[in-house]
Amino acid sequence: MNMILFMITLSLTLSIALTALNFWLAQMNPDSEKLSPYECGFDPLGSARLPFSIRFFLVAILFLLFDLEIALLLPLPWAIQLQSPTTTLTWTSILLFLLTAGLIYEWTQGGLEWAE
């Protein structure tokens, strides 16, 4: 019982001491640079409604699509050990075929060209 009371007292004392030390040592010198919002190099005083590149959006969607493909194919080594691995391999082949056909279609339509 005494040990528990000692640990509670010690943690409370340490918490109060660290909080007081933080207020005592903190630098309170706000200037215009520290008070201005950080906008990743963009002028924070300009318009927030900048035009968005549709090419960038398409590349991001393609990245998500192939990221999803990896997530769907990840359990394949364990699925091959099932009772019917031919069914698993058939579904995997269909998935890969559809994704490859979609990539070829996107490529032929010029969706992967960054510069116009």
C-alpha atoms as a PDB file:
ATOM      1  CA  MET A   1       0.000   0.000   0.000  1.00  0.00           C
ATOM      2  CA  ASN A   2       2.833   2.354   0.865  1.00  0.00           C
ATOM      3  CA  MET A   3       4.544   1.579  -2.445  1.00  0.00           C
ATOM      4  CA  ILE A   4       1.406   2.485  -4.444  1.00  0.00           C
ATOM      5  CA  LEU A   5       1.005   5.742  -2.511  1.00  0.00           C
ATOM      6  CA  PHE A   6       4.685   6.530  -3.117  1.00  0.00           C
ATOM      7  CA  MET A   7       4.359   5.890  -6.883  1.00  0.00           C
ATOM      8  CA  ILE A   8       1.238   8.084  -7.143  1.00  0.00           C
ATOM      9  CA  THR A   9       2.933  10.890  -5.209  1.00  0.00           C
ATOM     10  CA  LEU A  10       6.090  10.597  -7.315  1.00  0.00           C
ATOM     11  CA  SER A  11       4.209  10.670 -10.630  1.00  0.00           C
ATOM     12  CA  LEU A  12       2.058  13.622  -9.510  1.00  0.00           C
ATOM     13  CA  THR A  13       5.120  15.559  -8.329  1.00  0.00           C
ATOM     14  CA  LEU A  14       7.000  14.799 -11.537  1.00  0.00           C
ATOM     15  CA  SER A  15       4.029  15.874 -13.675  1.00  0.00           C
ATOM     16  CA  ILE A  16       3.647  19.172 -11.848  1.00  0.00           C
ATOM     17  CA  ALA A  17       7.400  19.823 -11.999  1.00  0.00           C
ATOM     18  CA  LEU A  18       7.617  19.136 -15.738  1.00  0.00           C
ATOM     19  CA  THR A  19       4.572  21.315 -16.483  1.00  0.00           C
ATOM     20  CA  ALA A  20       6.004  24.197 -14.432  1.00  0.00           C
ATOM     21  CA  LEU A  21       9.379  23.784 -16.130  1.00  0.00           C
ATOM     22  CA  ASN A  22       7.710  23.909 -19.536  1.00  0.00           C
ATOM     23  CA  PHE A  23       5.956  27.202 -18.738  1.00  0.00           C
ATOM     24  CA  TRP A  24       9.128  28.655 -17.261  1.00  0.00           C
ATOM     25  CA  LEU A  25      11.470  27.689 -20.130  1.00  0.00           C
ATOM     26  CA  ALA A  26       9.079  28.254 -23.046  1.00  0.00           C
ATOM     27  CA  GLN A  27      10.039  31.026 -25.450  1.00  0.00           C
ATOM     28  CA  MET A  28       7.273  33.585 -25.751  1.00  0.00           C
ATOM     29  CA  ASN A  29       8.656  35.646 -28.660  1.00  0.00           C
ATOM     30  CA  PRO A  30       5.996  35.464 -31.385  1.00  0.00           C
ATOM     31  CA  ASP A  31       6.974  37.179 -34.622  1.00  0.00           C
ATOM     32  CA  SER A  32       5.247  37.535 -37.974  1.00  0.00           C
ATOM     33  CA  GLU A  33       6.961  34.480 -39.486  1.00  0.00           C
ATOM     34  CA  LYS A  34       5.940  32.168 -36.655  1.00  0.00           C
ATOM     35  CA  LEU A  35       2.391  33.500 -36.560  1.00  0.00           C
ATOM     36  CA  SER A  36       1.816  33.120 -40.320  1.00  0.00           C
ATOM     37  CA  PRO A  37       0.242  29.861 -41.530  1.00  0.00           C
ATOM     38  CA  TYR A  38       2.518  27.340 -43.225  1.00  0.00           C
ATOM     39  CA  GLU A  39       1.198  26.532 -46.685  1.00  0.00           C
ATOM     40  CA  CYS A  40       3.939  24.321 -48.156  1.00  0.00           C
ATOM     41  CA  GLY A  41       5.586  27.127 -50.094  1.00  0.00           C
ATOM     42  CA  PHE A  42       2.375  28.652 -51.462  1.00  0.00           C
ATOM     43  CA  ASP A  43       1.448  32.241 -50.755  1.00  0.00           C
ATOM     44  CA  PRO A  44      -1.100  32.062 -47.901  1.00  0.00           C
ATOM     45  CA  LEU A  45      -2.583  35.408 -48.920  1.00  0.00           C
ATOM     46  CA  GLY A  46      -3.584  34.180 -52.391  1.00  0.00           C
ATOM     47  CA  SER A  47      -6.676  32.305 -53.448  1.00  0.00           C
ATOM     48  CA  ALA A  48      -7.254  28.874 -51.970  1.00  0.00           C
ATOM     49  CA  ARG A  49      -9.205  27.842 -55.079  1.00  0.00           C
ATOM     50  CA  LEU A  50      -6.328  27.082 -57.415  1.00  0.00           C
ATOM     51  CA  PRO A  51      -7.116  25.025 -60.527  1.00  0.00           C
ATOM     52  CA  PHE A  52      -6.466  21.322 -60.022  1.00  0.00           C
ATOM     53  CA  SER A  53      -4.656  19.303 -62.675  1.00  0.00           C
ATOM     54  CA  ILE A  54      -6.876  16.500 -63.966  1.00  0.00           C
ATOM     55  CA  ARG A  55      -3.752  14.617 -65.114  1.00  0.00           C
ATOM     56  CA  PHE A  56      -2.496  14.511 -61.549  1.00  0.00           C
ATOM     57  CA  PHE A  57      -5.891  13.208 -60.452  1.00  0.00           C
ATOM     58  CA  LEU A  58      -5.779  10.404 -63.064  1.00  0.00           C
ATOM     59  CA  VAL A  59      -2.288   9.352 -62.016  1.00  0.00           C
ATOM     60  CA  ALA A  60      -3.435   9.279 -58.379  1.00  0.00           C
ATOM     61  CA  ILE A  61      -6.433   7.109 -59.315  1.00  0.00           C
ATOM     62  CA  LEU A  62      -4.160   4.720 -61.247  1.00  0.00           C
ATOM     63  CA  PHE A  63      -1.866   4.498 -58.249  1.00  0.00           C
ATOM     64  CA  LEU A  64      -4.812   3.606 -56.020  1.00  0.00           C
ATOM     65  CA  LEU A  65      -6.000   1.030 -58.530  1.00  0.00           C
ATOM     66  CA  PHE A  66      -2.678  -0.787 -58.632  1.00  0.00           C
ATOM     67  CA  ASP A  67      -2.280  -0.454 -54.883  1.00  0.00           C
ATOM     68  CA  LEU A  68      -5.625  -2.224 -54.569  1.00  0.00           C
ATOM     69  CA  GLU A  69      -4.381  -4.883 -56.984  1.00  0.00           C
ATOM     70  CA  ILE A  70      -1.425  -5.608 -54.721  1.00  0.00           C
ATOM     71  CA  ALA A  71      -3.743  -5.823 -51.705  1.00  0.00           C
ATOM     72  CA  LEU A  72      -5.976  -8.303 -53.541  1.00  0.00           C
ATOM     73  CA  LEU A  73      -3.071 -10.443 -54.728  1.00  0.00           C
ATOM     74  CA  LEU A  74      -1.238 -10.468 -51.393  1.00  0.00           C
ATOM     75  CA  PRO A  75      -3.029 -13.523 -49.925  1.00  0.00           C
ATOM     76  CA  LEU A  76      -2.417 -15.545 -53.115  1.00  0.00           C
ATOM     77  CA  PRO A  77       0.442 -17.706 -51.721  1.00  0.00           C
ATOM     78  CA  TRP A  78      -1.814 -18.854 -48.883  1.00  0.00           C
ATOM     79  CA  ALA A  79      -4.813 -19.337 -51.165  1.00  0.00           C
ATOM     80  CA  ILE A  80      -2.852 -21.720 -53.396  1.00  0.00           C
ATOM     81  CA  GLN A  81      -2.728 -24.156 -50.463  1.00  0.00           C
ATOM     82  CA  LEU A  82      -6.532 -24.454 -50.437  1.00  0.00           C
ATOM     83  CA  GLN A  83      -8.510 -27.498 -51.609  1.00  0.00           C
ATOM     84  CA  SER A  84      -8.892 -26.169 -55.163  1.00  0.00           C
ATOM     85  CA  PRO A  85      -5.914 -24.019 -56.195  1.00  0.00           C
ATOM     86  CA  THR A  86      -7.124 -23.982 -59.805  1.00  0.00           C
ATOM     87  CA  THR A  87     -10.139 -21.855 -58.815  1.00  0.00           C
ATOM     88  CA  THR A  88      -7.850 -19.425 -57.006  1.00  0.00           C
ATOM     89  CA  LEU A  89      -5.501 -19.196 -59.968  1.00  0.00           C
ATOM     90  CA  THR A  90      -8.456 -18.701 -62.346  1.00  0.00           C
ATOM     91  CA  TRP A  91      -9.798 -15.764 -60.324  1.00  0.00           C
ATOM     92  CA  THR A  92      -6.281 -14.325 -60.061  1.00  0.00           C
ATOM     93  CA  SER A  93      -5.791 -14.600 -63.807  1.00  0.00           C
ATOM     94  CA  ILE A  94      -9.138 -12.901 -64.462  1.00  0.00           C
ATOM     95  CA  LEU A  95      -8.244 -10.070 -62.074  1.00  0.00           C
ATOM     96  CA  LEU A  96      -4.821  -9.571 -63.647  1.00  0.00           C
ATOM     97  CA  PHE A  97      -6.321  -9.671 -67.143  1.00  0.00           C
ATOM     98  CA  LEU A  98      -8.912  -7.010 -66.307  1.00  0.00           C
ATOM     99  CA  LEU A  99      -6.364  -4.728 -64.694  1.00  0.00           C
ATOM    100  CA  THR A 100      -3.928  -5.168 -67.581  1.00  0.00           C
ATOM    101  CA  ALA A 101      -6.695  -4.457 -70.106  1.00  0.00           C
ATOM    102  CA  GLY A 102      -7.617  -1.306 -68.165  1.00  0.00           C
ATOM    103  CA  LEU A 103      -3.986  -0.189 -68.130  1.00  0.00           C
ATOM    104  CA  ILE A 104      -3.643  -0.759 -71.882  1.00  0.00           C
ATOM    105  CA  TYR A 105      -6.863   1.170 -72.516  1.00  0.00           C
ATOM    106  CA  GLU A 106      -5.652   4.055 -70.351  1.00  0.00           C
ATOM    107  CA  TRP A 107      -2.307   4.013 -72.157  1.00  0.00           C
ATOM    108  CA  THR A 108      -3.873   4.065 -75.630  1.00  0.00           C
ATOM    109  CA  GLN A 109      -6.227   6.919 -74.646  1.00  0.00           C
ATOM    110  CA  GLY A 110      -3.227   9.024 -73.530  1.00  0.00           C
ATOM    111  CA  GLY A 111      -4.108   9.087 -69.850  1.00  0.00           C
ATOM    112  CA  LEU A 112      -0.528   8.347 -68.836  1.00  0.00           C
ATOM    113  CA  GLU A 113       0.975  11.228 -70.808  1.00  0.00           C
ATOM    114  CA  TRP A 114       1.968  13.892 -68.310  1.00  0.00           C
ATOM    115  CA  ALA A 115       2.697  16.684 -70.774  1.00  0.00           C
ATOM    116  CA  GLU A 116       0.181  17.560 -73.454  1.00  0.00           C
END
